[in-house]
Amino acid sequence: MDYGKYRYEQHKREKEQQKKQQTVVIKEVHLSCRIDKHDFDTMASRAIKFLNEGNKVRVTLRFKGREMAHQDLGKEVMMKFAEVCSEVSTLDKKPTLEGRQLMMFLMPVKGSAKKPEKAPKAEETAPEAAE
């Protein structure tokens, strides 16, 4: 067997495997302890959009100054956020404190991820004027 042909076939197999591979993208949403209702809803809708696209979401809550004394408020906000997103996600990693940040990961529920629809080609949508 020719070595060049062997390398070509091997390269072809690797390319095929890369096409089948699915990349995991992690999107991030930032919250705060004293977040207002509208901001909370905006961040939740953003996270739901990311989850519907099939991406994981990292939710971070940064404690500033004396907020570290009230970590329970931060955990309440995080659990409320997870509850709002529960229709399209599952809790991958519970809220954990890392330094001054409280972090959790949300994972999309299988079957809820919508594949991005491709726009129809111009030839398919345009009425036939040649008739």
Protein backbone atom coordinates (compact mmCIF):
# COMPACT_ATOMS: atom_id res chain seq x y z
CA MET A 1 0.00 0.00 0.00
CA ASP A 2 1.21 3.49 -0.83
CA TYR A 3 2.09 5.54 2.27
CA GLY A 4 0.67 8.73 0.73
CA LYS A 5 -2.66 7.01 0.10
CA TYR A 6 -2.67 5.69 3.68
CA ARG A 7 -2.06 9.17 5.11
CA TYR A 8 -4.78 10.64 2.89
CA GLU A 9 -7.35 8.06 4.08
CA GLN A 10 -6.34 8.58 7.71
CA HIS A 11 -6.70 12.35 7.33
CA LYS A 12 -10.11 11.81 5.72
CA ARG A 13 -11.27 9.64 8.67
CA GLU A 14 -10.10 12.26 11.18
CA LYS A 15 -12.03 14.99 9.34
CA GLU A 16 -15.16 12.82 9.40
CA GLN A 17 -14.80 12.27 13.16
CA GLN A 18 -14.40 16.01 13.72
CA LYS A 19 -17.66 16.67 11.86
CA LYS A 20 -19.51 14.25 14.13
CA GLN A 21 -18.00 15.78 17.28
CA GLN A 22 -20.17 18.12 19.28
CA THR A 23 -18.46 21.04 20.99
CA VAL A 24 -19.67 22.13 24.41
CA VAL A 25 -19.96 25.87 24.72
CA ILE A 26 -20.28 27.44 28.16
CA LYS A 27 -22.10 30.77 28.30
CA GLU A 28 -21.99 32.91 31.44
CA VAL A 29 -24.59 34.98 33.24
CA HIS A 30 -23.65 37.37 36.07
CA LEU A 31 -25.94 38.11 38.99
CA SER A 32 -25.63 40.09 42.20
CA CYS A 33 -27.11 39.74 45.67
CA ARG A 34 -29.29 42.83 45.33
CA ILE A 35 -30.49 42.21 41.78
CA ASP A 36 -33.80 43.83 40.89
CA LYS A 37 -36.75 41.90 39.45
CA HIS A 38 -36.45 43.20 35.88
CA ASP A 39 -32.69 42.55 35.74
CA PHE A 40 -33.29 39.08 37.16
CA ASP A 41 -35.94 38.35 34.51
CA THR A 42 -33.65 39.64 31.75
CA MET A 43 -30.79 37.41 32.87
CA ALA A 44 -33.14 34.44 33.19
CA SER A 45 -34.48 34.92 29.66
CA ARG A 46 -30.92 35.22 28.40
CA ALA A 47 -29.93 31.98 30.13
CA ILE A 48 -33.02 30.23 28.76
CA LYS A 49 -32.04 31.37 25.26
CA PHE A 50 -28.54 29.94 25.73
CA LEU A 51 -29.97 26.67 27.04
CA ASN A 52 -32.38 26.39 24.11
CA GLU A 53 -29.39 26.70 21.79
CA GLY A 54 -27.89 23.67 23.55
CA ASN A 55 -25.17 25.48 25.51
CA LYS A 56 -24.28 25.04 29.17
CA VAL A 57 -24.70 28.11 31.36
CA ARG A 58 -22.42 29.19 34.20
CA VAL A 59 -24.26 31.42 36.65
CA THR A 60 -21.98 33.54 38.81
CA LEU A 61 -22.89 35.77 41.71
CA ARG A 62 -20.13 38.05 42.96
CA PHE A 63 -20.21 39.30 46.55
CA LYS A 64 -18.99 42.87 46.97
CA GLY A 65 -17.79 44.37 50.21
CA ARG A 66 -19.89 43.37 53.22
CA GLU A 67 -22.21 41.18 51.15
CA MET A 68 -19.95 38.27 52.13
CA ALA A 69 -21.68 38.32 55.51
CA HIS A 70 -24.99 37.52 53.78
CA GLN A 71 -24.14 34.52 51.66
CA ASP A 72 -27.56 33.03 52.37
CA LEU A 73 -29.17 35.82 50.28
CA GLY A 74 -26.90 34.92 47.40
CA LYS A 75 -27.82 31.25 47.62
CA GLU A 76 -31.52 32.18 47.63
CA VAL A 77 -31.06 34.21 44.43
CA MET A 78 -29.19 31.32 42.79
CA MET A 79 -31.81 28.73 43.73
CA LYS A 80 -34.59 31.03 42.51
CA PHE A 81 -32.70 31.42 39.23
CA ALA A 82 -32.36 27.64 38.87
CA GLU A 83 -36.07 27.27 39.58
CA VAL A 84 -37.00 29.81 36.88
CA CYS A 85 -34.82 27.99 34.33
CA SER A 86 -35.93 24.50 35.43
CA GLU A 87 -38.21 23.99 32.41
CA VAL A 88 -35.28 23.90 29.99
CA SER A 89 -32.39 22.97 32.27
CA THR A 90 -31.13 20.72 35.00
CA LEU A 91 -28.77 21.69 37.77
CA ASP A 92 -25.38 20.32 36.70
CA LYS A 93 -23.40 21.67 39.65
CA LYS A 94 -24.97 23.11 42.80
CA PRO A 95 -24.00 26.63 43.94
CA THR A 96 -20.52 26.57 45.45
CA LEU A 97 -18.50 29.42 46.90
CA GLU A 98 -15.12 30.03 45.28
CA GLY A 99 -13.46 33.04 46.84
CA ARG A 100 -15.97 35.89 46.57
CA GLN A 101 -18.00 34.22 43.84
CA LEU A 102 -20.90 31.83 44.11
CA MET A 103 -21.06 29.61 41.01
CA MET A 104 -23.42 27.03 39.59
CA PHE A 105 -23.79 25.31 36.24
CA LEU A 106 -27.01 24.66 34.35
CA MET A 107 -27.20 22.03 31.66
CA PRO A 108 -29.85 21.90 28.92
CA VAL A 109 -32.45 19.15 29.21
CA LYS A 110 -32.06 16.56 26.47
CA GLY A 111 -34.56 17.05 23.71
CA SER A 112 -35.26 20.71 24.55
CA ALA A 113 -32.31 22.06 22.57
CA LYS A 114 -33.51 23.44 19.28
CA LYS A 115 -31.15 23.22 16.36
CA PRO A 116 -30.66 26.58 14.67
CA GLU A 117 -32.75 26.60 11.53
CA LYS A 118 -30.95 27.43 8.34
CA ALA A 119 -32.39 30.23 6.28
CA PRO A 120 -33.95 28.97 3.05
CA LYS A 121 -31.93 29.63 -0.05
CA ALA A 122 -32.92 32.51 -2.30
CA GLU A 123 -33.69 30.12 -5.17
CA GLU A 124 -36.21 28.20 -3.02
CA THR A 125 -38.12 31.22 -1.73
CA ALA A 126 -38.19 33.35 -4.86
CA PRO A 127 -41.30 32.88 -7.04
CA GLU A 128 -40.54 31.57 -10.45
CA ALA A 129 -40.71 34.47 -12.88
CA ALA A 130 -39.63 32.36 -15.85
CA GLU A 131 -43.10 30.86 -16.30
